[in-house]
Amino acid sequence: MNSDAKQAIAAKVAQMIPSGASVFLGIGTTVEYVAKALVSHHDLQVFTNNLTVASILGNYPHIRVRVLAGKLRHQHHDLVGEETLYGLRQYYFDYGVLGCGGMDEEQGILDFDPEEAAVSRVLVEQSRYSLLVADQHKWGRKAMARVQPFSSIDWFFSDALTESQTQLLTSHGVHIKLCS
């Protein structure tokens, strides 16, 4: 769904992340596009709980990949739970890239699964720079698990924003990168 927007978002994120950085790539299809866009980088240290991301980057020996332990969610091909959270807390990443299930103007970043939301919450806490990647269709989706308020995000990459969404994000100190 929305593959053109996700590819554009991923390309902008890849431009921001320098070779040699440590990066945590979280859960979601937009994050998987980011993994594909990073394959030309060198000396990246990528950590992930997303098995699709690990599979994509596992073909590139110039990118070191570490997969965190955890409980497998078969449908999503990712790992969640206490082991994953413990593993995340052992590191401090240059960049943390997260997707989301939805965004709400009052609640901020949301997800559908509480365990997925917990991973994203810790990802933000353990990153120098947190990068939220989400297309415009995530606004108003009725996800119920809180991840973080918008004020905890450093950069937001999306394909489109309304004027009120732009004002909301900038009022929380979020840098915006529109990608088309």
Protein backbone atom coordinates (compact mmCIF):
# COMPACT_ATOMS: atom_id res chain seq x y z
CA MET A 1 0.00 0.00 0.00
CA ASN A 2 1.31 3.48 -0.93
CA SER A 3 4.59 2.06 -2.23
CA ASP A 4 5.55 5.20 -4.17
CA ALA A 5 5.20 7.36 -1.05
CA LYS A 6 7.13 4.84 1.06
CA GLN A 7 9.96 4.72 -1.48
CA ALA A 8 10.21 8.52 -1.52
CA ILE A 9 10.21 8.63 2.29
CA ALA A 10 12.90 5.94 2.43
CA ALA A 11 15.13 7.77 -0.06
CA LYS A 12 15.04 10.96 2.07
CA VAL A 13 15.81 9.04 5.25
CA ALA A 14 18.77 7.32 3.56
CA GLN A 15 20.12 10.73 2.52
CA MET A 16 20.08 11.85 6.15
CA ILE A 17 21.85 8.82 7.61
CA PRO A 18 25.62 8.91 7.02
CA SER A 19 27.81 5.90 6.37
CA GLY A 20 29.37 4.67 9.60
CA ALA A 21 26.30 5.37 11.74
CA SER A 22 24.55 3.05 14.17
CA VAL A 23 20.88 2.66 13.26
CA PHE A 24 17.94 0.86 14.77
CA LEU A 25 15.32 -0.04 12.16
CA GLY A 26 11.99 -0.85 13.78
CA ILE A 27 8.78 -2.48 12.68
CA GLY A 28 6.70 -1.75 9.58
CA THR A 29 6.71 -1.74 5.82
CA THR A 30 7.93 1.86 5.49
CA VAL A 31 10.93 0.92 7.64
CA GLU A 32 11.56 -2.01 5.29
CA TYR A 33 11.74 0.47 2.40
CA VAL A 34 14.31 2.41 4.43
CA ALA A 35 16.41 -0.76 4.72
CA LYS A 36 16.35 -1.13 0.93
CA ALA A 37 17.40 2.51 0.53
CA LEU A 38 20.39 2.04 2.86
CA VAL A 39 22.08 -0.79 0.94
CA SER A 40 24.63 1.53 -0.70
CA HIS A 41 25.83 2.87 2.67
CA HIS A 42 29.08 1.55 4.11
CA ASP A 43 30.09 0.63 7.62
CA LEU A 44 26.57 0.89 8.98
CA GLN A 45 25.83 -0.97 12.19
CA VAL A 46 22.13 -1.86 11.89
CA PHE A 47 20.15 -3.27 14.79
CA THR A 48 16.62 -4.53 14.25
CA ASN A 49 13.78 -6.65 15.52
CA ASN A 50 12.31 -6.74 12.00
CA LEU A 51 13.20 -10.03 10.30
CA THR A 52 12.39 -8.66 6.85
CA VAL A 53 14.89 -5.83 7.42
CA ALA A 54 17.51 -8.37 8.55
CA SER A 55 16.83 -10.45 5.43
CA ILE A 56 17.17 -7.44 3.12
CA LEU A 57 20.41 -6.19 4.68
CA GLY A 58 21.83 -9.68 5.20
CA ASN A 59 22.80 -9.68 1.51
CA TYR A 60 25.23 -6.76 1.97
CA PRO A 61 28.43 -7.68 3.86
CA HIS A 62 29.46 -4.01 4.18
CA ILE A 63 26.50 -3.52 6.55
CA ARG A 64 26.71 -5.22 9.95
CA VAL A 65 23.33 -6.46 11.13
CA ARG A 66 22.33 -7.43 14.65
CA VAL A 67 18.95 -8.98 15.33
CA LEU A 68 17.51 -8.65 18.82
CA ALA A 69 15.96 -11.63 20.57
CA GLY A 70 12.26 -11.81 21.33
CA LYS A 71 8.90 -13.40 20.73
CA LEU A 72 8.13 -13.93 17.03
CA ARG A 73 4.98 -12.34 15.62
CA HIS A 74 4.46 -14.66 12.68
CA GLN A 75 2.16 -12.40 10.67
CA HIS A 76 4.53 -9.42 10.84
CA HIS A 77 7.90 -11.23 10.82
CA ASP A 78 9.23 -9.29 13.77
CA LEU A 79 10.26 -9.83 17.38
CA VAL A 80 8.68 -8.21 20.43
CA GLY A 81 8.47 -8.71 24.19
CA GLU A 82 10.69 -8.34 27.24
CA GLU A 83 13.77 -9.86 25.58
CA THR A 84 13.52 -7.35 22.75
CA LEU A 85 13.10 -4.43 25.14
CA TYR A 86 16.04 -5.62 27.24
CA GLY A 87 18.23 -5.90 24.14
CA LEU A 88 17.25 -2.43 22.95
CA ARG A 89 18.17 -0.91 26.31
CA GLN A 90 21.74 -2.21 26.00
CA TYR A 91 22.57 0.27 23.21
CA TYR A 92 22.34 3.93 22.31
CA PHE A 93 21.87 4.42 18.55
CA ASP A 94 22.77 7.38 16.35
CA TYR A 95 19.43 7.04 14.55
CA GLY A 96 16.23 5.21 15.43
CA VAL A 97 13.78 4.76 12.57
CA LEU A 98 10.22 3.85 13.49
CA GLY A 99 6.92 3.47 11.74
CA CYS A 100 3.52 3.60 13.39
CA GLY A 101 -0.01 2.30 13.11
CA GLY A 102 -1.61 5.70 13.42
CA MET A 103 -1.22 9.31 14.49
CA ASP A 104 -3.59 11.38 16.54
CA GLU A 105 -3.39 15.14 16.94
CA GLU A 106 -3.87 14.87 20.72
CA GLN A 107 -2.30 11.51 21.57
CA GLY A 108 0.65 11.60 19.18
CA ILE A 109 2.11 8.39 17.78
CA LEU A 110 0.01 5.23 18.15
CA ASP A 111 0.13 1.57 17.23
CA PHE A 112 -2.31 -1.32 17.11
CA ASP A 113 -0.29 -3.79 19.19
CA PRO A 114 0.84 -2.86 22.73
CA GLU A 115 4.03 -4.92 22.39
CA GLU A 116 4.93 -3.18 19.14
CA ALA A 117 4.22 0.18 20.76
CA ALA A 118 6.55 -0.73 23.65
CA VAL A 119 9.40 -1.50 21.24
CA SER A 120 8.90 1.80 19.42
CA ARG A 121 8.73 3.69 22.71
CA VAL A 122 12.10 2.30 23.85
CA LEU A 123 13.58 2.79 20.36
CA VAL A 124 12.91 6.53 20.67
CA GLU A 125 14.43 6.66 24.16
CA GLN A 126 17.59 4.84 23.02
CA SER A 127 18.32 7.01 19.95
CA ARG A 128 20.19 10.30 19.58
CA TYR A 129 17.85 11.16 16.72
CA SER A 130 14.43 9.58 16.30
CA LEU A 131 12.99 9.49 12.78
CA LEU A 132 9.29 8.75 12.34
CA VAL A 133 8.39 7.50 8.86
CA ALA A 134 4.69 7.50 7.96
CA ASP A 135 2.60 8.32 4.93
CA GLN A 136 -0.38 10.68 5.13
CA HIS A 137 -2.86 7.80 5.56
CA LYS A 138 -1.68 7.16 9.14
CA TRP A 139 -3.39 10.33 10.41
CA GLY A 140 -6.64 9.53 12.20
CA ARG A 141 -6.23 5.73 12.14
CA LYS A 142 -7.82 4.29 15.27
CA ALA A 143 -4.79 2.59 16.81
CA MET A 144 -5.12 2.36 20.59
CA ALA A 145 -1.61 1.75 22.00
CA ARG A 146 0.35 4.90 22.80
CA VAL A 147 3.93 5.08 21.56
CA GLN A 148 5.22 8.59 22.26
CA PRO A 149 4.01 12.18 22.04
CA PHE A 150 5.12 14.08 18.94
CA SER A 151 7.52 16.12 21.10
CA SER A 152 9.74 13.05 21.51
CA ILE A 153 10.40 12.80 17.76
CA ASP A 154 13.25 14.70 16.12
CA TRP A 155 12.32 14.22 12.45
CA PHE A 156 9.09 13.31 10.68
CA PHE A 157 9.26 12.01 7.09
CA SER A 158 5.99 11.88 5.16
CA ASP A 159 4.53 12.33 1.70
CA ALA A 160 2.03 15.05 2.64
CA LEU A 161 0.76 17.12 5.56
CA THR A 162 -2.08 19.55 5.99
CA GLU A 163 -1.28 23.03 7.24
CA SER A 164 -2.72 22.22 10.67
CA GLN A 165 -0.65 19.01 10.91
CA THR A 166 2.48 20.98 9.98
CA GLN A 167 1.71 23.58 12.65
CA LEU A 168 1.05 20.87 15.23
CA LEU A 169 4.33 19.07 14.57
CA THR A 170 6.45 22.22 14.46
CA SER A 171 4.86 23.42 17.71
CA HIS A 172 6.27 20.23 19.27
CA GLY A 173 9.74 20.92 17.87
CA VAL A 174 9.59 18.24 15.17
CA HIS A 175 11.61 18.82 11.99
CA ILE A 176 9.59 17.90 8.89
CA LYS A 177 10.81 16.38 5.64
CA LEU A 178 8.15 16.10 2.95
CA CYS A 179 9.01 13.43 0.44
CA SER A 180 7.52 13.17 -3.04
